[in-house]
Every structure is written in C-alpha cells, then in structure tokens.
Amino acid sequence: MTRTYVITGAASGIGAATAQLLRAQGHTVIGVDLAGVEVSGDLSTPDGRRAAAEAAITAAGGMIDAVIACAGIAAPISKTMAINYFGVTEFLEALQPTLSLADQPRAAVVSSMASLQPVSAELVDAALSGDEALALEIGDQLATTPEAGFLNYSSSKRALSRWVRRESVTPAWAGVGIPLNAVAPGTVTTPMTAGLLGNPEGLAQVDAAVPMPLNYHQPASSIAELLVWLTSPANTHMAGQTIYCDGGADAVLRGDDIWSWNDAPRR
C-alpha cells in the first residue's frame, strides 16, 4: 500500500535519506525545506510555518498519511529554538486536521541525544508554554558566549521530546489514532556535523559528549529506517517515546537504572 508522506528538512541529511528510502519503497513524498524540494518554506517564523503547511496540504491533494519532521539546526543562536521546536510543533499542529483524516495516520519528529545534556530550564519552560517571543529573548541572552549559546540547541530538543510526550496521549493525537513519537540520534554524519567532526578537537568533544560503543558514528540512513517504521502502519501502539538510536550513548551516560525514580525510599 502506497502512502503520502510530508517530510521537513528533506533537502539534506536525515530528511533527505528518509525521503529517498520512502520513494524507493514506492511512496509519495512531499519534501519541505528552504529550497530544492516540492515545498519551499521557512519554518523559523510563524507565517512561514503556516504557509509551508498549507502548501504541503495542497501538494498532497488534501490527503496526508504521515508527517516526519526532520528540519533543524545546531547553531548557538535563538533561531535554533525557532526552527527546532516551534518549526516542528506548529507545523505538525497545522497538519494535524488533515493527517487525522487518513486511515492509518502517523507522525514522528527528530529530537537528539542533546535532550539529555544540560539545558536552560527557563528556555524550555518558555517553549513549552508556547511563548516564542520570550523563548527567542532568552535565546538571544544565552547567545553571548558559545558555551551558553549551545543551550539553545539542547533546550530545543529537550522541549521537543517533552512536547511529544505530553501531546502524544491527548485527544488530538492518540484520541484520533495518530501515534506520535521522536527519534533521538547519536552522532550522525551529515553536512550539519561535517565541520565539527572534521577536526581532532571537535571530534574529541563530540565523542566525549556522545560516546557510541556500538558501530560508532552513524549514517543518516540508520535514522531514516527507524523513522519509516515509526510512521508505518506496523506501528500501532508506540506513543510519546523518544527512541535513542545512538550506538549505546544513552546507556553509557545514564547507566543501567532509569526506573528507580518511582521506587519507594529504601529503609
């Protein structure tokens, strides 16, 4: 059965690999990116998101089976939150009414291992409250130094994973049969990471933050395979999960016990 997919960030990296895989399987893909795909759109602004969503619905003929949001940047600036969080959540919300009409609708987004790294709690709270103006203001304040500026990225991915968890079980998503999940990659070899991985200092920094004992750095295709399954009819019950496809980085960093938060205190 062929399906129609809308993929953001489809011009490069994980988005392009996902689009290529789906097309090879015979599906229809409506790519959304700044240029070079079916729909040109700027997801960094509210108007751009609305226009891109409307154009995607039109290009799909009013019938969309799945949405995969891959668009994102990793710059230490406030625009990172605008694209990575609001450019995902508002775009998905704009497509949700059309998506809900499909027989087996699905949605997935790309989070990151950075969601487990230090964040600005104030910035995450602003994003989750839907206050983009405040989030950008906080992001601009953080951008005064590279180290603090990185919190724009980690905070955007933490907020996104929390949004997925919160919204996935609501009437708008689970209530109409739409599994909504996230994938959190480890280090992926894409144009976005090429500069950082191309020098010894950057490589050491990345590997310290994201240790990957299983098969080391991964190609974009490994994430594409997981996104395709999550948005296929085979996924009937997974909801609200951030799946760490990371070569074991999560297990290294958080250890073997992520369950004891709910245990009774030991005497």
Protein backbone atom coordinates (compact mmCIF):
# COMPACT_ATOMS: atom_id res chain seq x y z
CA MET A 1 0.00 0.00 0.00
CA THR A 2 1.48 3.33 -1.04
CA ARG A 3 1.25 6.28 1.32
CA THR A 4 1.81 10.03 1.13
CA TYR A 5 4.44 11.48 3.46
CA VAL A 6 5.31 15.09 4.29
CA ILE A 7 8.95 15.43 5.37
CA THR A 8 10.55 18.64 6.63
CA GLY A 9 14.27 19.13 6.17
CA ALA A 10 14.01 16.92 3.11
CA ALA A 11 16.78 18.59 1.13
CA SER A 12 19.67 17.17 3.15
CA GLY A 13 20.80 14.93 5.99
CA ILE A 14 18.30 12.70 7.76
CA GLY A 15 15.35 14.23 5.92
CA ALA A 16 16.85 13.52 2.51
CA ALA A 17 17.79 9.96 3.49
CA THR A 18 14.25 9.34 4.74
CA ALA A 19 12.69 10.77 1.59
CA GLN A 20 14.98 8.63 -0.56
CA LEU A 21 14.09 5.46 1.35
CA LEU A 22 10.36 6.09 1.15
CA ARG A 23 10.45 6.89 -2.57
CA ALA A 24 12.41 3.68 -3.16
CA GLN A 25 9.55 1.83 -1.48
CA GLY A 26 7.07 3.42 -3.87
CA HIS A 27 5.59 6.05 -1.58
CA THR A 28 4.83 9.68 -2.43
CA VAL A 29 6.96 12.24 -0.60
CA ILE A 30 6.23 15.96 -0.27
CA GLY A 31 9.51 17.49 0.85
CA VAL A 32 9.60 20.78 2.75
CA ASP A 33 12.79 22.82 3.01
CA LEU A 34 14.20 26.23 2.17
CA ALA A 35 14.78 25.14 -1.43
CA GLY A 36 15.34 22.16 -3.70
CA VAL A 37 12.21 20.16 -2.80
CA GLU A 38 8.47 20.16 -3.51
CA VAL A 39 7.60 22.89 -0.99
CA SER A 40 9.88 25.83 -0.24
CA GLY A 41 9.24 27.23 3.21
CA ASP A 42 10.88 28.95 6.16
CA LEU A 43 9.99 27.15 9.38
CA SER A 44 11.74 29.75 11.55
CA THR A 45 8.71 32.08 11.53
CA PRO A 46 5.01 31.63 12.32
CA ASP A 47 3.98 32.90 8.87
CA GLY A 48 6.50 30.63 7.18
CA ARG A 49 5.21 27.59 9.06
CA ARG A 50 1.60 28.29 8.18
CA ALA A 51 2.44 28.89 4.53
CA ALA A 52 4.55 25.72 4.33
CA ALA A 53 1.80 23.64 5.93
CA GLU A 54 -0.82 24.99 3.52
CA ALA A 55 1.45 24.36 0.55
CA ALA A 56 2.19 20.81 1.71
CA ILE A 57 -1.52 20.03 2.06
CA THR A 58 -2.15 21.39 -1.42
CA ALA A 59 0.76 19.45 -2.92
CA ALA A 60 -0.55 16.27 -1.29
CA GLY A 61 -4.02 16.78 -2.74
CA GLY A 62 -5.52 17.14 0.71
CA MET A 63 -4.60 13.64 1.86
CA ILE A 64 -1.56 13.01 4.08
CA ASP A 65 -0.79 9.64 5.68
CA ALA A 66 2.26 10.60 7.72
CA VAL A 67 4.41 13.56 8.74
CA ILE A 68 8.11 13.30 9.59
CA ALA A 69 9.72 16.47 10.94
CA CYS A 70 13.48 16.42 10.40
CA ALA A 71 14.25 20.12 9.86
CA GLY A 72 16.65 21.58 12.39
CA ILE A 73 19.88 23.48 13.00
CA ALA A 74 22.50 23.29 15.74
CA ALA A 75 23.73 26.90 15.84
CA PRO A 76 24.26 28.57 19.27
CA ILE A 77 21.59 31.19 18.50
CA SER A 78 17.93 31.75 19.32
CA LYS A 79 16.86 30.83 15.78
CA THR A 80 17.69 27.23 16.71
CA MET A 81 14.74 27.16 19.10
CA ALA A 82 12.53 28.81 16.48
CA ILE A 83 13.23 26.06 13.95
CA ASN A 84 13.84 23.01 16.13
CA TYR A 85 10.88 23.45 18.45
CA PHE A 86 8.31 25.87 17.09
CA GLY A 87 9.11 24.92 13.49
CA VAL A 88 8.22 21.33 14.39
CA THR A 89 5.33 21.68 16.81
CA GLU A 90 3.43 24.42 14.98
CA PHE A 91 3.94 22.72 11.62
CA LEU A 92 2.60 19.42 12.98
CA GLU A 93 -0.34 21.16 14.62
CA ALA A 94 -1.18 22.84 11.32
CA LEU A 95 -1.19 19.48 9.52
CA GLN A 96 -2.97 17.52 12.26
CA PRO A 97 -6.54 18.11 11.00
CA THR A 98 -5.60 16.82 7.53
CA LEU A 99 -3.49 13.99 8.93
CA SER A 100 -6.37 12.83 11.14
CA LEU A 101 -8.45 12.08 8.02
CA ALA A 102 -6.08 9.29 6.93
CA ASP A 103 -6.89 5.62 7.57
CA GLN A 104 -3.60 4.97 9.39
CA PRO A 105 -2.07 8.35 10.25
CA ARG A 106 1.37 8.58 11.82
CA ALA A 107 3.80 11.31 12.94
CA ALA A 108 7.43 11.34 14.06
CA VAL A 109 9.99 14.03 14.79
CA VAL A 110 13.75 14.16 15.16
CA SER A 111 14.95 15.05 18.65
CA SER A 112 18.57 14.47 19.73
CA MET A 113 20.90 12.97 22.30
CA ALA A 114 21.37 16.61 23.28
CA SER A 115 17.99 16.38 25.01
CA LEU A 116 19.89 14.59 27.81
CA GLN A 117 22.53 17.31 28.10
CA PRO A 118 22.38 20.48 30.24
CA VAL A 119 19.62 22.90 29.27
CA SER A 120 18.19 26.26 30.24
CA ALA A 121 15.12 25.39 32.29
CA GLU A 122 13.78 28.89 31.73
CA LEU A 123 14.11 28.47 27.96
CA VAL A 124 12.48 25.03 27.97
CA ASP A 125 9.57 26.37 30.03
CA ALA A 126 9.08 29.30 27.65
CA ALA A 127 8.95 26.95 24.67
CA LEU A 128 6.52 24.53 26.30
CA SER A 129 4.25 27.42 27.29
CA GLY A 130 4.12 28.47 23.63
CA ASP A 131 5.74 31.86 24.25
CA GLU A 132 8.04 32.12 21.24
CA ALA A 133 8.85 35.79 21.81
CA LEU A 134 10.12 35.04 25.33
CA ALA A 135 11.99 31.96 24.13
CA LEU A 136 13.81 33.99 21.48
CA GLU A 137 14.62 36.69 24.02
CA ILE A 138 16.13 34.15 26.39
CA GLY A 139 17.95 32.53 23.49
CA ASP A 140 19.49 35.83 22.46
CA GLN A 141 20.74 36.36 26.01
CA LEU A 142 22.33 32.90 26.01
CA ALA A 143 24.00 33.51 22.65
CA THR A 144 26.52 35.94 24.13
CA THR A 145 29.01 33.06 24.59
CA PRO A 146 29.38 29.80 22.61
CA GLU A 147 29.04 27.59 25.70
CA ALA A 148 25.83 29.25 26.88
CA GLY A 149 24.66 29.55 23.29
CA PHE A 150 24.68 25.77 22.91
CA LEU A 151 21.85 25.67 25.44
CA ASN A 152 19.62 26.92 22.63
CA TYR A 153 20.15 23.58 20.90
CA SER A 154 19.91 21.21 23.86
CA SER A 155 16.92 23.14 25.23
CA SER A 156 15.13 22.98 21.89
CA LYS A 157 15.50 19.20 21.77
CA ARG A 158 14.55 18.72 25.44
CA ALA A 159 11.44 20.82 24.91
CA LEU A 160 10.59 18.89 21.74
CA SER A 161 10.85 15.50 23.42
CA ARG A 162 8.70 16.75 26.28
CA TRP A 163 6.12 18.15 23.85
CA VAL A 164 5.93 14.78 22.09
CA ARG A 165 5.44 13.00 25.40
CA ARG A 166 2.78 15.47 26.54
CA GLU A 167 0.83 15.76 23.31
CA SER A 168 1.00 12.13 22.16
CA VAL A 169 -1.67 10.99 24.62
CA THR A 170 -4.12 13.84 24.03
CA PRO A 171 -7.40 13.63 22.09
CA ALA A 172 -5.76 15.42 19.13
CA TRP A 173 -3.21 12.64 18.64
CA ALA A 174 -3.87 9.36 20.45
CA GLY A 175 -7.57 10.19 20.50
CA VAL A 176 -7.79 10.05 16.72
CA GLY A 177 -5.38 7.16 16.30
CA ILE A 178 -2.16 9.03 15.46
CA PRO A 179 0.99 7.54 17.04
CA LEU A 180 3.34 10.49 17.75
CA ASN A 181 6.97 9.73 18.64
CA ALA A 182 10.50 11.09 18.45
CA VAL A 183 13.87 9.67 17.47
CA ALA A 184 16.99 10.94 19.23
CA PRO A 185 20.07 10.19 17.12
CA GLY A 186 23.58 9.92 18.38
CA THR A 187 26.28 11.46 16.19
CA VAL A 188 25.14 11.33 12.58
CA THR A 189 27.48 12.04 9.68
CA THR A 190 25.61 14.76 7.79
CA PRO A 191 26.56 18.13 6.28
CA MET A 192 25.48 19.73 9.59
CA THR A 193 28.12 17.78 11.57
CA ALA A 194 30.88 17.64 8.93
CA GLY A 195 32.71 20.74 10.16
CA LEU A 196 32.74 19.59 13.78
CA LEU A 197 33.79 16.03 13.00
CA GLY A 198 36.41 17.14 10.51
CA ASN A 199 38.94 18.36 13.08
CA PRO A 200 40.55 16.47 16.01
CA GLU A 201 39.40 18.92 18.69
CA GLY A 202 35.80 18.88 17.54
CA LEU A 203 35.80 15.11 17.13
CA ALA A 204 37.11 14.61 20.68
CA GLN A 205 34.48 16.97 22.04
CA VAL A 206 31.66 15.16 20.25
CA ASP A 207 32.82 11.70 21.30
CA ALA A 208 33.12 12.77 24.93
CA ALA A 209 29.57 14.12 24.92
CA VAL A 210 28.07 11.26 22.88
CA PRO A 211 30.05 8.02 23.41
CA MET A 212 28.91 5.41 20.88
CA PRO A 213 30.34 1.94 21.64
CA LEU A 214 28.12 0.21 19.06
CA ASN A 215 29.37 0.87 15.49
CA TYR A 216 30.50 4.46 16.28
CA HIS A 217 29.11 7.36 14.22
CA GLN A 218 26.06 6.53 12.16
CA PRO A 219 24.88 7.35 8.65
CA ALA A 220 21.63 9.23 8.16
CA SER A 221 20.12 6.06 6.71
CA SER A 222 20.10 4.37 10.14
CA ILE A 223 17.77 7.07 11.47
CA ALA A 224 15.69 7.02 8.29
CA GLU A 225 14.95 3.32 8.74
CA LEU A 226 13.59 3.94 12.23
CA LEU A 227 11.53 6.97 11.19
CA VAL A 228 9.99 4.95 8.36
CA TRP A 229 8.95 2.17 10.73
CA LEU A 230 7.52 4.61 13.29
CA THR A 231 5.33 6.18 10.61
CA SER A 232 4.27 2.91 9.00
CA PRO A 233 1.03 1.01 9.67
CA ALA A 234 3.14 -1.52 11.59
CA ASN A 235 3.42 0.92 14.49
CA THR A 236 0.05 0.63 16.18
CA HIS A 237 0.76 1.33 19.87
CA MET A 238 4.02 3.20 20.40
CA ALA A 239 3.24 6.72 21.59
CA GLY A 240 5.13 9.53 23.30
CA GLN A 241 8.52 7.85 23.12
CA THR A 242 11.89 9.39 22.41
CA ILE A 243 13.86 6.49 20.99
CA TYR A 244 17.61 6.88 21.40
CA CYS A 245 19.15 5.46 18.24
CA ASP A 246 22.61 6.33 19.42
CA GLY A 247 25.10 3.47 19.34
CA GLY A 248 24.59 2.97 23.09
CA ALA A 249 25.32 6.55 24.18
CA ASP A 250 22.22 6.80 26.37
CA ALA A 251 23.11 3.56 28.18
CA VAL A 252 26.66 4.79 28.76
CA LEU A 253 25.62 8.21 30.02
CA ARG A 254 22.59 7.30 32.14
CA GLY A 255 23.65 3.84 33.25
CA ASP A 256 21.55 0.74 33.85
CA ASP A 257 18.84 2.23 36.09
CA ILE A 258 16.44 4.83 34.76
CA TRP A 259 13.48 3.36 36.65
CA SER A 260 14.18 3.96 40.35
CA TRP A 261 12.64 7.46 40.30
CA ASN A 262 9.34 5.75 41.15
CA ASP A 263 10.66 3.32 43.77
CA ALA A 264 9.76 3.62 47.42
CA PRO A 265 12.60 5.06 49.54
CA ARG A 266 14.92 2.40 50.96
CA ARG A 267 14.97 2.00 54.70
